[in-house]
Amino acid sequence: MTYWKSKRTLISILELAKADVYHFFVGREASQHGWSLEKPAVREAFARMVVTNAVQGLKQMHDKGYLHCDLKSLNLLLYIYRSQTSRRQGGVFMKAKLTDFGHSSKGKYRTAEATFRNGMARVGTAGHVAPELFQEGTACDYKIDIWSLGIVMFSMLVPGRLLFGEYTDLENLKKAYDALNKMNPWSNQQRPKWWTDFERLSPEARDLILWMTRFNPEERPTADQILKHPWFQISMGNLKPGQYRPKLKFVDMLCSSSIAQE
């Protein structure tokens, strides 16, 4: 730890974060660093670094008995380094760190409180809140952070969009969730505006997003399960043709088998 001290003062010196997830993926921060995120594969390469660090950070919090309760793109700071050894990402290494613990809760569970008059949960940000936090009296565990991370991952890979919109109450979340899961992907009238961008992502990325944002928290993955998901395997350079046979849980819910295994 680097610090400066005098007889009366102790100042911790921290490294300056170059950006946050929102401004890097949605704003123009990436282009200012010389990178174009137009191609889905490039976005996934950067997002994979962010999700890896975010999951590791959340796991440390959860293991120590804390819940973040307000994970969103603005609350993930990015430290960007150019590196000779990170050629797979075009000579760049990115580290993401969690920030803004104003809504954090100590304990393995947080009891959902009565919502505000407009139906919004007492903690979290519109469009990111796990469904159980809207239900007063529910004992909510670390899966609320997994849900929010799924929303963040989607917003990185489909910039400027939220998976279920900017919902502020449980009713609107249910409507958006049911509409997506009952959607006919071949019907232009039923497809959300972001559907084409979502289809262009790898089936592994789509599957992980849909797994982390299951309505039932018991169906969402743990931190360890996330890091073992096929989405992280496809970035490994030592996989030979024929070795990789992904087992995807949810991608076929929204796509035919031919699309899911494109």
Protein backbone atom coordinates (compact mmCIF):
# COMPACT_ATOMS: atom_id res chain seq x y z
CA MET A 1 0.00 0.00 0.00
CA THR A 2 1.38 3.42 -0.97
CA TYR A 3 0.74 6.31 1.37
CA TRP A 4 1.91 9.77 2.38
CA LYS A 5 2.02 10.87 5.99
CA SER A 6 2.81 13.84 8.13
CA LYS A 7 2.59 14.30 11.89
CA ARG A 8 -1.18 14.82 11.71
CA THR A 9 -2.23 13.24 8.41
CA LEU A 10 -2.16 9.85 6.70
CA ILE A 11 -3.15 9.83 3.03
CA SER A 12 -3.59 6.62 1.03
CA ILE A 13 -2.45 6.95 -2.59
CA LEU A 14 -4.55 4.91 -5.00
CA GLU A 15 -4.15 4.28 -8.71
CA LEU A 16 -6.46 6.34 -10.89
CA ALA A 17 -9.10 4.31 -12.72
CA LYS A 18 -9.12 5.17 -16.43
CA ALA A 19 -12.84 4.56 -16.96
CA ASP A 20 -15.92 2.72 -15.75
CA VAL A 21 -17.77 -0.03 -17.59
CA TYR A 22 -20.58 2.23 -18.77
CA HIS A 23 -18.37 4.90 -20.33
CA PHE A 24 -16.00 2.32 -21.82
CA PHE A 25 -18.62 0.14 -23.53
CA VAL A 26 -21.44 2.64 -24.13
CA GLY A 27 -19.58 5.96 -24.22
CA ARG A 28 -16.45 6.84 -26.16
CA GLU A 29 -13.77 5.78 -23.69
CA ALA A 30 -12.79 2.73 -25.78
CA SER A 31 -12.20 4.81 -28.91
CA GLN A 32 -10.15 7.31 -26.92
CA HIS A 33 -7.84 4.44 -26.01
CA GLY A 34 -7.63 3.43 -29.68
CA TRP A 35 -10.03 0.47 -29.77
CA SER A 36 -13.20 -0.13 -31.76
CA LEU A 37 -15.93 -2.20 -30.14
CA GLU A 38 -18.03 -2.50 -33.28
CA LYS A 39 -17.38 -6.23 -33.66
CA PRO A 40 -19.18 -8.49 -31.13
CA ALA A 41 -16.09 -10.70 -30.74
CA VAL A 42 -14.01 -7.69 -29.67
CA ARG A 43 -16.65 -6.62 -27.15
CA GLU A 44 -16.73 -10.15 -25.75
CA ALA A 45 -12.94 -10.22 -25.33
CA PHE A 46 -13.02 -7.03 -23.26
CA ALA A 47 -16.20 -8.02 -21.40
CA ARG A 48 -14.69 -11.38 -20.45
CA MET A 49 -11.88 -9.63 -18.57
CA VAL A 50 -14.40 -7.44 -16.75
CA VAL A 51 -16.75 -10.27 -15.81
CA THR A 52 -13.86 -12.39 -14.55
CA ASN A 53 -12.73 -9.66 -12.14
CA ALA A 54 -16.29 -8.78 -11.13
CA VAL A 55 -17.08 -12.39 -10.26
CA GLN A 56 -13.86 -12.73 -8.29
CA GLY A 57 -14.62 -9.52 -6.41
CA LEU A 58 -18.18 -10.57 -5.64
CA LYS A 59 -17.00 -13.98 -4.45
CA GLN A 60 -14.61 -12.32 -1.99
CA MET A 61 -17.42 -10.10 -0.71
CA HIS A 62 -19.85 -12.98 -0.37
CA ASP A 63 -17.29 -15.22 1.34
CA LYS A 64 -16.68 -12.49 3.91
CA GLY A 65 -20.42 -12.10 4.51
CA TYR A 66 -21.28 -9.00 2.48
CA LEU A 67 -23.73 -8.33 -0.37
CA HIS A 68 -23.11 -5.50 -2.83
CA CYS A 69 -26.81 -4.84 -3.59
CA ASP A 70 -26.21 -2.18 -6.27
CA LEU A 71 -24.05 -3.64 -9.02
CA LYS A 72 -24.26 -1.71 -12.29
CA SER A 73 -21.96 -0.52 -15.07
CA LEU A 74 -21.12 2.75 -13.32
CA ASN A 75 -20.02 0.82 -10.23
CA LEU A 76 -17.29 -1.14 -12.01
CA LEU A 77 -14.09 0.87 -12.41
CA LEU A 78 -11.60 -0.10 -15.11
CA TYR A 79 -7.82 -0.04 -14.91
CA ILE A 80 -6.36 -0.36 -18.40
CA TYR A 81 -2.80 -1.49 -19.07
CA ARG A 82 -0.88 -2.17 -22.25
CA SER A 83 1.04 -5.40 -21.96
CA GLN A 84 3.41 -7.47 -24.08
CA THR A 85 1.94 -10.67 -22.64
CA SER A 86 -1.72 -9.93 -23.34
CA ARG A 87 -1.59 -10.34 -27.11
CA ARG A 88 -4.90 -12.17 -27.20
CA GLN A 89 -6.59 -8.86 -26.34
CA GLY A 90 -4.46 -6.86 -28.77
CA GLY A 91 -1.77 -5.97 -26.24
CA VAL A 92 -4.10 -4.74 -23.52
CA PHE A 93 -4.88 -5.98 -20.05
CA MET A 94 -7.94 -4.69 -18.23
CA LYS A 95 -8.73 -5.01 -14.55
CA ALA A 96 -12.17 -4.24 -13.15
CA LYS A 97 -12.82 -3.31 -9.53
CA LEU A 98 -16.08 -3.02 -7.62
CA THR A 99 -16.95 0.36 -6.15
CA ASP A 100 -19.83 2.25 -4.46
CA PHE A 101 -20.75 0.16 -1.45
CA GLY A 102 -23.41 2.59 -0.20
CA HIS A 103 -26.16 -0.04 -0.48
CA SER A 104 -24.02 -2.95 0.66
CA SER A 105 -25.35 -5.22 3.38
CA LYS A 106 -23.51 -7.23 6.03
CA GLY A 107 -24.68 -10.80 6.39
CA LYS A 108 -25.45 -13.68 4.06
CA TYR A 109 -29.05 -12.51 3.69
CA ARG A 110 -30.81 -9.18 3.28
CA THR A 111 -34.51 -9.02 4.00
CA ALA A 112 -36.40 -7.19 1.27
CA GLU A 113 -38.13 -4.09 2.61
CA ALA A 114 -41.41 -2.55 1.53
CA THR A 115 -41.01 -0.83 -1.82
CA PHE A 116 -41.32 2.90 -2.41
CA ARG A 117 -44.70 4.26 -3.52
CA ASN A 118 -43.75 3.88 -7.17
CA GLY A 119 -42.94 0.20 -6.60
CA MET A 120 -39.14 0.59 -6.69
CA ALA A 121 -37.05 -1.54 -4.35
CA ARG A 122 -35.28 0.14 -1.43
CA VAL A 123 -31.85 -0.79 -2.77
CA GLY A 124 -30.39 -1.05 -6.24
CA THR A 125 -30.82 0.79 -9.53
CA ALA A 126 -33.70 0.73 -12.00
CA GLY A 127 -33.25 -2.02 -14.59
CA HIS A 128 -30.74 -3.93 -12.42
CA VAL A 129 -32.64 -5.01 -9.29
CA ALA A 130 -33.20 -8.74 -8.73
CA PRO A 131 -36.91 -9.68 -8.58
CA GLU A 132 -36.78 -10.98 -5.01
CA LEU A 133 -35.77 -7.53 -3.71
CA PHE A 134 -39.23 -6.25 -4.68
CA GLN A 135 -40.97 -8.83 -2.47
CA GLU A 136 -41.22 -7.56 1.10
CA GLY A 137 -40.01 -10.01 3.73
CA THR A 138 -38.01 -12.18 1.31
CA ALA A 139 -34.61 -13.30 2.58
CA CYS A 140 -32.33 -12.39 -0.34
CA ASP A 141 -28.88 -13.95 -0.66
CA TYR A 142 -25.85 -13.41 -2.92
CA LYS A 143 -27.90 -14.36 -5.98
CA ILE A 144 -29.15 -10.75 -6.12
CA ASP A 145 -25.63 -9.72 -7.16
CA ILE A 146 -25.47 -12.51 -9.74
CA TRP A 147 -28.67 -11.19 -11.34
CA SER A 148 -27.27 -7.65 -11.52
CA LEU A 149 -24.01 -8.91 -13.02
CA GLY A 150 -26.02 -10.64 -15.76
CA ILE A 151 -27.69 -7.31 -16.55
CA VAL A 152 -24.29 -5.59 -16.63
CA MET A 153 -22.84 -8.26 -18.92
CA PHE A 154 -25.75 -7.80 -21.33
CA SER A 155 -25.31 -4.01 -21.34
CA MET A 156 -21.60 -4.43 -22.17
CA LEU A 157 -22.29 -6.74 -25.11
CA VAL A 158 -25.40 -4.91 -26.35
CA PRO A 159 -24.27 -1.34 -25.54
CA GLY A 160 -26.89 1.15 -24.49
CA ARG A 161 -29.53 -1.50 -23.73
CA LEU A 162 -30.85 -3.21 -20.61
CA LEU A 163 -32.10 -6.79 -20.88
CA PHE A 164 -35.52 -6.09 -19.32
CA GLY A 165 -35.61 -2.34 -19.83
CA GLU A 166 -35.36 0.26 -17.09
CA TYR A 167 -38.01 -1.36 -14.88
CA THR A 168 -38.81 0.23 -11.52
CA ASP A 169 -41.31 -2.26 -10.14
CA LEU A 170 -41.94 -5.99 -10.06
CA GLU A 171 -44.95 -5.86 -12.40
CA ASN A 172 -43.00 -4.31 -15.27
CA LEU A 173 -40.09 -6.67 -14.69
CA LYS A 174 -42.42 -9.68 -14.89
CA LYS A 175 -43.96 -8.38 -18.11
CA ALA A 176 -40.56 -7.91 -19.74
CA TYR A 177 -39.26 -11.25 -18.46
CA ASP A 178 -42.30 -13.21 -19.62
CA ALA A 179 -42.36 -11.45 -22.99
CA LEU A 180 -38.73 -12.40 -23.61
CA ASN A 181 -39.10 -16.02 -22.53
CA LYS A 182 -42.34 -16.54 -24.49
CA MET A 183 -41.12 -14.69 -27.56
CA ASN A 184 -41.13 -16.24 -31.02
CA PRO A 185 -37.63 -15.37 -32.31
CA TRP A 186 -38.89 -15.62 -35.89
CA SER A 187 -41.54 -12.94 -35.39
CA ASN A 188 -40.37 -9.40 -36.11
CA GLN A 189 -43.30 -8.05 -34.09
CA GLN A 190 -42.29 -9.90 -30.93
CA ARG A 191 -38.55 -9.30 -31.11
CA PRO A 192 -37.13 -6.53 -28.92
CA LYS A 193 -35.21 -3.77 -30.71
CA TRP A 194 -31.88 -5.15 -29.51
CA TRP A 195 -32.52 -8.69 -30.75
CA THR A 196 -30.29 -8.55 -33.84
CA ASP A 197 -27.33 -7.36 -31.75
CA PHE A 198 -28.00 -10.13 -29.22
CA GLU A 199 -28.10 -12.78 -31.96
CA ARG A 200 -24.67 -11.73 -33.16
CA LEU A 201 -23.10 -12.67 -29.83
CA SER A 202 -21.59 -16.10 -29.31
CA PRO A 203 -24.11 -18.71 -28.09
CA GLU A 204 -21.94 -19.08 -24.97
CA ALA A 205 -22.33 -15.39 -24.10
CA ARG A 206 -26.09 -15.48 -24.64
CA ASP A 207 -26.40 -18.62 -22.54
CA LEU A 208 -24.47 -17.18 -19.59
CA ILE A 209 -26.53 -13.99 -19.59
CA LEU A 210 -29.78 -15.96 -19.58
CA TRP A 211 -28.49 -18.21 -16.79
CA MET A 212 -27.49 -15.34 -14.50
CA THR A 213 -30.85 -13.64 -14.99
CA ARG A 214 -33.17 -16.51 -14.14
CA PHE A 215 -36.22 -15.23 -12.25
CA ASN A 216 -35.87 -17.94 -9.61
CA PRO A 217 -32.65 -17.20 -7.67
CA GLU A 218 -32.08 -20.91 -7.02
CA GLU A 219 -31.63 -21.40 -10.78
CA ARG A 220 -28.86 -18.79 -11.06
CA PRO A 221 -25.22 -19.93 -11.01
CA THR A 222 -22.69 -19.50 -8.23
CA ALA A 223 -19.50 -17.52 -8.79
CA ASP A 224 -17.54 -20.74 -9.31
CA GLN A 225 -20.08 -22.01 -11.85
CA ILE A 226 -19.83 -18.75 -13.79
CA LEU A 227 -16.05 -19.00 -14.12
CA LYS A 228 -16.36 -22.60 -15.34
CA HIS A 229 -18.94 -21.69 -17.97
CA PRO A 230 -18.06 -22.42 -21.65
CA TRP A 231 -17.94 -18.67 -22.38
CA PHE A 232 -14.58 -18.56 -20.62
CA GLN A 233 -13.33 -21.73 -22.33
CA ILE A 234 -13.70 -20.34 -25.85
CA SER A 235 -10.95 -17.80 -25.13
CA MET A 236 -8.38 -20.50 -24.34
CA GLY A 237 -5.75 -20.83 -27.04
CA ASN A 238 -4.95 -24.49 -26.31
CA LEU A 239 -8.30 -25.91 -27.43
CA LYS A 240 -7.98 -28.02 -30.56
CA PRO A 241 -10.75 -28.56 -33.14
CA GLY A 242 -13.13 -31.24 -31.94
CA GLN A 243 -12.22 -30.83 -28.26
CA TYR A 244 -14.82 -28.22 -27.44
CA ARG A 245 -18.38 -29.44 -26.94
CA PRO A 246 -20.30 -26.79 -24.99
CA LYS A 247 -23.19 -27.76 -22.76
CA LEU A 248 -25.46 -24.74 -22.85
CA LYS A 249 -28.45 -24.50 -20.53
CA PHE A 250 -30.66 -21.67 -21.70
CA VAL A 251 -29.63 -20.37 -25.11
CA ASP A 252 -32.09 -22.67 -26.93
CA MET A 253 -34.97 -21.03 -25.06
CA LEU A 254 -34.72 -18.08 -27.44
CA CYS A 255 -33.06 -19.59 -30.50
CA SER A 256 -33.49 -22.66 -32.65
CA SER A 257 -30.78 -25.30 -32.38
CA SER A 258 -29.30 -24.22 -35.70
CA ILE A 259 -28.87 -20.64 -34.50
CA ALA A 260 -27.69 -21.63 -31.03
CA GLN A 261 -24.86 -23.73 -32.46
CA GLU A 262 -23.96 -21.37 -35.31
